[in-house]
Amino acid sequence: EFALIKVRAVDRTSRDEVIQMANIFRAK
C-alpha cells in the first residue's frame, strides 16, 4: 500500500527526528 502522512514539525529537532524516522522506514 502507499501512504502520504503530513506530520507537525515546528522546530529543527522535530524535523530532524521525522526525517531520521522516514529514512529508517525507507520512506521519503
PDB file of all heavy atoms in Angstrom:
ATOM      1  N   GLU A   1       0.852  -1.183   0.000  1.00  0.00           N
ATOM      2  CA  GLU A   1       0.000   0.000   0.000  1.00  0.00           C
ATOM      3  C   GLU A   1       0.889   1.235   0.000  1.00  0.00           C
ATOM      4  O   GLU A   1       2.079   1.156   0.298  1.00  0.00           O
ATOM      5  CB  GLU A   1      -0.963   0.002   1.186  1.00  0.00           C
ATOM      6  CG  GLU A   1      -0.340   0.204   2.535  1.00  0.00           C
ATOM      7  CD  GLU A   1      -1.356   0.247   3.674  1.00  0.00           C
ATOM      8  OE1 GLU A   1      -2.506  -0.181   3.496  1.00  0.00           O
ATOM      9  OE2 GLU A   1      -0.976   0.716   4.746  1.00  0.00           O
ATOM     10  N   PHE A   2       0.303   2.364  -0.337  1.00  0.00           N
ATOM     11  CA  PHE A   2       1.015   3.634  -0.404  1.00  0.00           C
ATOM     12  C   PHE A   2       0.327   4.602   0.545  1.00  0.00           C
ATOM     13  O   PHE A   2      -0.904   4.606   0.636  1.00  0.00           O
ATOM     14  CB  PHE A   2       0.973   4.173  -1.847  1.00  0.00           C
ATOM     15  CG  PHE A   2       1.661   5.490  -2.021  1.00  0.00           C
ATOM     16  CD1 PHE A   2       3.038   5.591  -1.933  1.00  0.00           C
ATOM     17  CD2 PHE A   2       0.936   6.639  -2.263  1.00  0.00           C
ATOM     18  CE1 PHE A   2       3.674   6.804  -2.086  1.00  0.00           C
ATOM     19  CE2 PHE A   2       1.558   7.862  -2.420  1.00  0.00           C
ATOM     20  CZ  PHE A   2       2.936   7.942  -2.339  1.00  0.00           C
ATOM     21  N   ALA A   3       1.116   5.393   1.274  1.00  0.00           N
ATOM     22  CA  ALA A   3       0.533   6.357   2.207  1.00  0.00           C
ATOM     23  C   ALA A   3       1.291   7.677   2.160  1.00  0.00           C
ATOM     24  O   ALA A   3       2.516   7.702   2.007  1.00  0.00           O
ATOM     25  CB  ALA A   3       0.547   5.805   3.630  1.00  0.00           C
ATOM     26  N   LEU A   4       0.541   8.753   2.292  1.00  0.00           N
ATOM     27  CA  LEU A   4       1.095  10.093   2.476  1.00  0.00           C
ATOM     28  C   LEU A   4       0.710  10.525   3.886  1.00  0.00           C
ATOM     29  O   LEU A   4      -0.478  10.467   4.249  1.00  0.00           O
ATOM     30  CB  LEU A   4       0.510  11.074   1.455  1.00  0.00           C
ATOM     31  CG  LEU A   4       0.763  10.754  -0.014  1.00  0.00           C
ATOM     32  CD1 LEU A   4       0.010  11.751  -0.898  1.00  0.00           C
ATOM     33  CD2 LEU A   4       2.248  10.794  -0.322  1.00  0.00           C
ATOM     34  N   ILE A   5       1.690  10.953   4.677  1.00  0.00           N
ATOM     35  CA  ILE A   5       1.452  11.305   6.069  1.00  0.00           C
ATOM     36  C   ILE A   5       1.994  12.707   6.313  1.00  0.00           C
ATOM     37  O   ILE A   5       3.199  12.940   6.178  1.00  0.00           O
ATOM     38  CB  ILE A   5       2.156  10.305   7.019  1.00  0.00           C
ATOM     39  CG1 ILE A   5       1.810   8.864   6.630  1.00  0.00           C
ATOM     40  CG2 ILE A   5       1.811  10.598   8.469  1.00  0.00           C
ATOM     41  CD1 ILE A   5       2.823   7.842   7.081  1.00  0.00           C
ATOM     42  N   LYS A   6       1.116  13.640   6.667  1.00  0.00           N
ATOM     43  CA  LYS A   6       1.529  15.003   6.972  1.00  0.00           C
ATOM     44  C   LYS A   6       1.707  15.108   8.479  1.00  0.00           C
ATOM     45  O   LYS A   6       0.783  14.841   9.246  1.00  0.00           O
ATOM     46  CB  LYS A   6       0.498  16.026   6.493  1.00  0.00           C
ATOM     47  CG  LYS A   6       0.979  17.464   6.637  1.00  0.00           C
ATOM     48  CD  LYS A   6      -0.047  18.465   6.176  1.00  0.00           C
ATOM     49  CE  LYS A   6      -0.294  18.320   4.692  1.00  0.00           C
ATOM     50  NZ  LYS A   6      -1.204  19.362   4.183  1.00  0.00           N
ATOM     51  N   VAL A   7       2.924  15.487   8.902  1.00  0.00           N
ATOM     52  CA  VAL A   7       3.298  15.487  10.311  1.00  0.00           C
ATOM     53  C   VAL A   7       3.694  16.892  10.751  1.00  0.00           C
ATOM     54  O   VAL A   7       4.362  17.618  10.014  1.00  0.00           O
ATOM     55  CB  VAL A   7       4.504  14.537  10.539  1.00  0.00           C
ATOM     56  CG1 VAL A   7       4.898  14.472  11.992  1.00  0.00           C
ATOM     57  CG2 VAL A   7       4.217  13.163   9.996  1.00  0.00           C
ATOM     58  N   ARG A   8       3.305  17.224  11.971  1.00  0.00           N
ATOM     59  CA  ARG A   8       3.712  18.508  12.558  1.00  0.00           C
ATOM     60  C   ARG A   8       5.208  18.426  12.874  1.00  0.00           C
ATOM     61  O   ARG A   8       5.677  17.461  13.472  1.00  0.00           O
ATOM     62  CB  ARG A   8       2.924  18.769  13.840  1.00  0.00           C
ATOM     63  CG  ARG A   8       3.152  20.129  14.450  1.00  0.00           C
ATOM     64  CD  ARG A   8       2.365  20.355  15.741  1.00  0.00           C
ATOM     65  NE  ARG A   8       1.033  19.777  15.749  1.00  0.00           N
ATOM     66  CZ  ARG A   8      -0.066  20.350  15.237  1.00  0.00           C
ATOM     67  NH1 ARG A   8       0.025  21.527  14.659  1.00  0.00           N
ATOM     68  NH2 ARG A   8      -1.235  19.755  15.314  1.00  0.00           N
ATOM     69  N   ALA A   9       5.952  19.448  12.462  1.00  0.00           N
ATOM     70  CA  ALA A   9       7.391  19.534  12.743  1.00  0.00           C
ATOM     71  C   ALA A   9       7.737  21.008  12.847  1.00  0.00           C
ATOM     72  O   ALA A   9       8.174  21.625  11.878  1.00  0.00           O
ATOM     73  CB  ALA A   9       8.193  18.835  11.658  1.00  0.00           C
ATOM     74  N   VAL A  10       7.537  21.583  14.024  1.00  0.00           N
ATOM     75  CA  VAL A  10       7.637  23.034  14.192  1.00  0.00           C
ATOM     76  C   VAL A  10       9.048  23.543  14.472  1.00  0.00           C
ATOM     77  O   VAL A  10       9.310  24.729  14.336  1.00  0.00           O
ATOM     78  CB  VAL A  10       6.678  23.532  15.306  1.00  0.00           C
ATOM     79  CG1 VAL A  10       5.236  23.366  14.875  1.00  0.00           C
ATOM     80  CG2 VAL A  10       6.938  22.815  16.607  1.00  0.00           C
ATOM     81  N   ASP A  11       9.954  22.649  14.855  1.00  0.00           N
ATOM     82  CA  ASP A  11      11.327  23.092  15.104  1.00  0.00           C
ATOM     83  C   ASP A  11      12.319  22.144  14.433  1.00  0.00           C
ATOM     84  O   ASP A  11      11.962  21.077  13.940  1.00  0.00           O
ATOM     85  CB  ASP A  11      11.606  23.222  16.602  1.00  0.00           C
ATOM     86  CG  ASP A  11      11.385  21.924  17.365  1.00  0.00           C
ATOM     87  OD1 ASP A  11      11.608  20.846  16.783  1.00  0.00           O
ATOM     88  OD2 ASP A  11      10.977  21.993  18.534  1.00  0.00           O
ATOM     89  N   ARG A  12      13.562  22.569  14.414  1.00  0.00           N
ATOM     90  CA  ARG A  12      14.623  21.805  13.740  1.00  0.00           C
ATOM     91  C   ARG A  12      14.760  20.397  14.328  1.00  0.00           C
ATOM     92  O   ARG A  12      14.924  19.422  13.589  1.00  0.00           O
ATOM     93  CB  ARG A  12      15.946  22.557  13.833  1.00  0.00           C
ATOM     94  CG  ARG A  12      17.103  21.800  13.192  1.00  0.00           C
ATOM     95  CD  ARG A  12      18.407  22.541  13.325  1.00  0.00           C
ATOM     96  NE  ARG A  12      18.481  23.671  12.418  1.00  0.00           N
ATOM     97  CZ  ARG A  12      18.984  23.607  11.192  1.00  0.00           C
ATOM     98  NH1 ARG A  12      19.417  22.458  10.732  1.00  0.00           N
ATOM     99  NH2 ARG A  12      19.042  24.670  10.429  1.00  0.00           N
ATOM    100  N   THR A  13      14.667  20.274  15.633  1.00  0.00           N
ATOM    101  CA  THR A  13      14.829  18.970  16.287  1.00  0.00           C
ATOM    102  C   THR A  13      13.757  17.990  15.838  1.00  0.00           C
ATOM    103  O   THR A  13      14.062  16.846  15.464  1.00  0.00           O
ATOM    104  CB  THR A  13      14.783  19.129  17.824  1.00  0.00           C
ATOM    105  OG1 THR A  13      15.791  20.066  18.222  1.00  0.00           O
ATOM    106  CG2 THR A  13      15.014  17.808  18.516  1.00  0.00           C
ATOM    107  N   SER A  14      12.518  18.426  15.853  1.00  0.00           N
ATOM    108  CA  SER A  14      11.447  17.517  15.438  1.00  0.00           C
ATOM    109  C   SER A  14      11.545  17.191  13.947  1.00  0.00           C
ATOM    110  O   SER A  14      11.305  16.055  13.539  1.00  0.00           O
ATOM    111  CB  SER A  14      10.066  18.067  15.805  1.00  0.00           C
ATOM    112  OG  SER A  14       9.839  19.314  15.220  1.00  0.00           O
ATOM    113  N   ARG A  15      11.922  18.172  13.112  1.00  0.00           N
ATOM    114  CA  ARG A  15      12.106  17.893  11.678  1.00  0.00           C
ATOM    115  C   ARG A  15      13.200  16.847  11.475  1.00  0.00           C
ATOM    116  O   ARG A  15      13.033  15.905  10.709  1.00  0.00           O
ATOM    117  CB  ARG A  15      12.446  19.178  10.907  1.00  0.00           C
ATOM    118  CG  ARG A  15      11.227  19.979  10.508  1.00  0.00           C
ATOM    119  CD  ARG A  15      11.566  21.053   9.498  1.00  0.00           C
ATOM    120  NE  ARG A  15      12.504  22.047   9.993  1.00  0.00           N
ATOM    121  CZ  ARG A  15      12.187  23.104  10.735  1.00  0.00           C
ATOM    122  NH1 ARG A  15      10.932  23.303  11.088  1.00  0.00           N
ATOM    123  NH2 ARG A  15      13.101  23.956  11.129  1.00  0.00           N
ATOM    124  N   ASP A  16      14.318  17.014  12.176  1.00  0.00           N
ATOM    125  CA  ASP A  16      15.418  16.054  12.052  1.00  0.00           C
ATOM    126  C   ASP A  16      14.981  14.652  12.487  1.00  0.00           C
ATOM    127  O   ASP A  16      15.338  13.660  11.853  1.00  0.00           O
ATOM    128  CB  ASP A  16      16.627  16.505  12.883  1.00  0.00           C
ATOM    129  CG  ASP A  16      17.333  17.715  12.282  1.00  0.00           C
ATOM    130  OD1 ASP A  16      17.063  18.031  11.089  1.00  0.00           O
ATOM    131  OD2 ASP A  16      18.142  18.347  12.989  1.00  0.00           O
ATOM    132  N   GLU A  17      14.204  14.563  13.568  1.00  0.00           N
ATOM    133  CA  GLU A  17      13.742  13.261  14.054  1.00  0.00           C
ATOM    134  C   GLU A  17      12.784  12.600  13.062  1.00  0.00           C
ATOM    135  O   GLU A  17      12.863  11.391  12.830  1.00  0.00           O
ATOM    136  CB  GLU A  17      13.075  13.416  15.421  1.00  0.00           C
ATOM    137  CG  GLU A  17      14.056  13.686  16.539  1.00  0.00           C
ATOM    138  CD  GLU A  17      13.363  13.813  17.880  1.00  0.00           C
ATOM    139  OE1 GLU A  17      12.383  13.079  18.133  1.00  0.00           O
ATOM    140  OE2 GLU A  17      13.817  14.656  18.688  1.00  0.00           O
ATOM    141  N   VAL A  18      11.888  13.385  12.478  1.00  0.00           N
ATOM    142  CA  VAL A  18      10.945  12.836  11.495  1.00  0.00           C
ATOM    143  C   VAL A  18      11.709  12.362  10.257  1.00  0.00           C
ATOM    144  O   VAL A  18      11.447  11.274   9.735  1.00  0.00           O
ATOM    145  CB  VAL A  18       9.847  13.862  11.122  1.00  0.00           C
ATOM    146  CG1 VAL A  18       9.033  13.388   9.923  1.00  0.00           C
ATOM    147  CG2 VAL A  18       8.941  14.131  12.310  1.00  0.00           C
ATOM    148  N   ILE A  19      12.674  13.145   9.811  1.00  0.00           N
ATOM    149  CA  ILE A  19      13.482  12.761   8.651  1.00  0.00           C
ATOM    150  C   ILE A  19      14.256  11.477   8.946  1.00  0.00           C
ATOM    151  O   ILE A  19      14.311  10.559   8.115  1.00  0.00           O
ATOM    152  CB  ILE A  19      14.436  13.906   8.238  1.00  0.00           C
ATOM    153  CG1 ILE A  19      13.624  15.064   7.657  1.00  0.00           C
ATOM    154  CG2 ILE A  19      15.492  13.421   7.239  1.00  0.00           C
ATOM    155  CD1 ILE A  19      14.401  16.356   7.471  1.00  0.00           C
ATOM    156  N   GLN A  20      14.820  11.376  10.139  1.00  0.00           N
ATOM    157  CA  GLN A  20      15.558  10.179  10.528  1.00  0.00           C
ATOM    158  C   GLN A  20      14.633   8.957  10.557  1.00  0.00           C
ATOM    159  O   GLN A  20      14.985   7.881  10.068  1.00  0.00           O
ATOM    160  CB  GLN A  20      16.206  10.402  11.894  1.00  0.00           C
ATOM    161  CG  GLN A  20      17.151   9.316  12.307  1.00  0.00           C
ATOM    162  CD  GLN A  20      17.843   9.654  13.618  1.00  0.00           C
ATOM    163  OE1 GLN A  20      17.316  10.407  14.439  1.00  0.00           O
ATOM    164  NE2 GLN A  20      19.034   9.095  13.807  1.00  0.00           N
ATOM    165  N   MET A  21      13.435   9.137  11.105  1.00  0.00           N
ATOM    166  CA  MET A  21      12.467   8.039  11.146  1.00  0.00           C
ATOM    167  C   MET A  21      12.060   7.613   9.729  1.00  0.00           C
ATOM    168  O   MET A  21      11.961   6.424   9.432  1.00  0.00           O
ATOM    169  CB  MET A  21      11.229   8.461  11.934  1.00  0.00           C
ATOM    170  CG  MET A  21      10.823   7.440  12.952  1.00  0.00           C
ATOM    171  SD  MET A  21       9.553   8.096  13.983  1.00  0.00           S
ATOM    172  CE  MET A  21      10.553   8.935  15.192  1.00  0.00           C
ATOM    173  N   ALA A  22      11.828   8.584   8.866  1.00  0.00           N
ATOM    174  CA  ALA A  22      11.479   8.285   7.472  1.00  0.00           C
ATOM    175  C   ALA A  22      12.590   7.466   6.815  1.00  0.00           C
ATOM    176  O   ALA A  22      12.326   6.488   6.118  1.00  0.00           O
ATOM    177  CB  ALA A  22      11.220   9.574   6.700  1.00  0.00           C
ATOM    178  N   ASN A  23      13.831   7.840   7.059  1.00  0.00           N
ATOM    179  CA  ASN A  23      14.969   7.102   6.487  1.00  0.00           C
ATOM    180  C   ASN A  23      15.027   5.669   6.997  1.00  0.00           C
ATOM    181  O   ASN A  23      15.300   4.749   6.228  1.00  0.00           O
ATOM    182  CB  ASN A  23      16.281   7.822   6.784  1.00  0.00           C
ATOM    183  CG  ASN A  23      16.427   9.101   5.988  1.00  0.00           C
ATOM    184  OD1 ASN A  23      15.819   9.257   4.926  1.00  0.00           O
ATOM    185  ND2 ASN A  23      17.216  10.030   6.500  1.00  0.00           N
ATOM    186  N   ILE A  24      14.768   5.472   8.269  1.00  0.00           N
ATOM    187  CA  ILE A  24      14.784   4.124   8.840  1.00  0.00           C
ATOM    188  C   ILE A  24      13.746   3.240   8.151  1.00  0.00           C
ATOM    189  O   ILE A  24      13.991   2.073   7.874  1.00  0.00           O
ATOM    190  CB  ILE A  24      14.535   4.179  10.364  1.00  0.00           C
ATOM    191  CG1 ILE A  24      15.747   4.792  11.066  1.00  0.00           C
ATOM    192  CG2 ILE A  24      14.220   2.788  10.927  1.00  0.00           C
ATOM    193  CD1 ILE A  24      15.516   5.136  12.523  1.00  0.00           C
ATOM    194  N   PHE A  25      12.578   3.800   7.850  1.00  0.00           N
ATOM    195  CA  PHE A  25      11.492   3.049   7.216  1.00  0.00           C
ATOM    196  C   PHE A  25      11.577   3.072   5.686  1.00  0.00           C
ATOM    197  O   PHE A  25      10.674   2.612   5.003  1.00  0.00           O
ATOM    198  CB  PHE A  25      10.134   3.594   7.670  1.00  0.00           C
ATOM    199  CG  PHE A  25       9.734   3.136   9.038  1.00  0.00           C
ATOM    200  CD1 PHE A  25      10.135   3.836  10.166  1.00  0.00           C
ATOM    201  CD2 PHE A  25       8.960   1.998   9.206  1.00  0.00           C
ATOM    202  CE1 PHE A  25       9.769   3.412  11.433  1.00  0.00           C
ATOM    203  CE2 PHE A  25       8.586   1.567  10.464  1.00  0.00           C
ATOM    204  CZ  PHE A  25       9.006   2.279  11.588  1.00  0.00           C
ATOM    205  N   ARG A  26      12.650   3.640   5.145  1.00  0.00           N
ATOM    206  CA  ARG A  26      12.833   3.793   3.694  1.00  0.00           C
ATOM    207  C   ARG A  26      11.678   4.566   3.056  1.00  0.00           C
ATOM    208  O   ARG A  26      11.237   4.274   1.949  1.00  0.00           O
ATOM    209  CB  ARG A  26      13.021   2.439   3.013  1.00  0.00           C
ATOM    210  CG  ARG A  26      14.302   1.758   3.414  1.00  0.00           C
ATOM    211  CD  ARG A  26      14.545   0.525   2.581  1.00  0.00           C
ATOM    212  NE  ARG A  26      15.667  -0.207   3.149  1.00  0.00           N
ATOM    213  CZ  ARG A  26      15.630  -1.497   3.409  1.00  0.00           C
ATOM    214  NH1 ARG A  26      14.554  -2.195   3.155  1.00  0.00           N
ATOM    215  NH2 ARG A  26      16.675  -2.092   3.913  1.00  0.00           N
ATOM    216  N   ALA A  27      11.188   5.542   3.797  1.00  0.00           N
ATOM    217  CA  ALA A  27      10.152   6.440   3.290  1.00  0.00           C
ATOM    218  C   ALA A  27      10.850   7.693   2.757  1.00  0.00           C
ATOM    219  O   ALA A  27      12.053   7.876   2.951  1.00  0.00           O
ATOM    220  CB  ALA A  27       9.176   6.783   4.409  1.00  0.00           C
ATOM    221  N   LYS A  28      10.092   8.535   2.096  1.00  0.00           N
ATOM    222  CA  LYS A  28      10.661   9.756   1.527  1.00  0.00           C
ATOM    223  C   LYS A  28       9.907  10.978   2.036  1.00  0.00           C
ATOM    224  O   LYS A  28       8.697  10.941   2.205  1.00  0.00           O
ATOM    225  CB  LYS A  28      10.577   9.717   0.008  1.00  0.00           C
ATOM    226  CG  LYS A  28      11.363   8.593  -0.611  1.00  0.00           C
ATOM    227  CD  LYS A  28      11.607   8.853  -2.072  1.00  0.00           C
ATOM    228  CE  LYS A  28      12.376   7.769  -2.750  1.00  0.00           C
ATOM    229  NZ  LYS A  28      13.564   7.317  -2.143  1.00  0.00           N
TER     230      LYS A  28
END
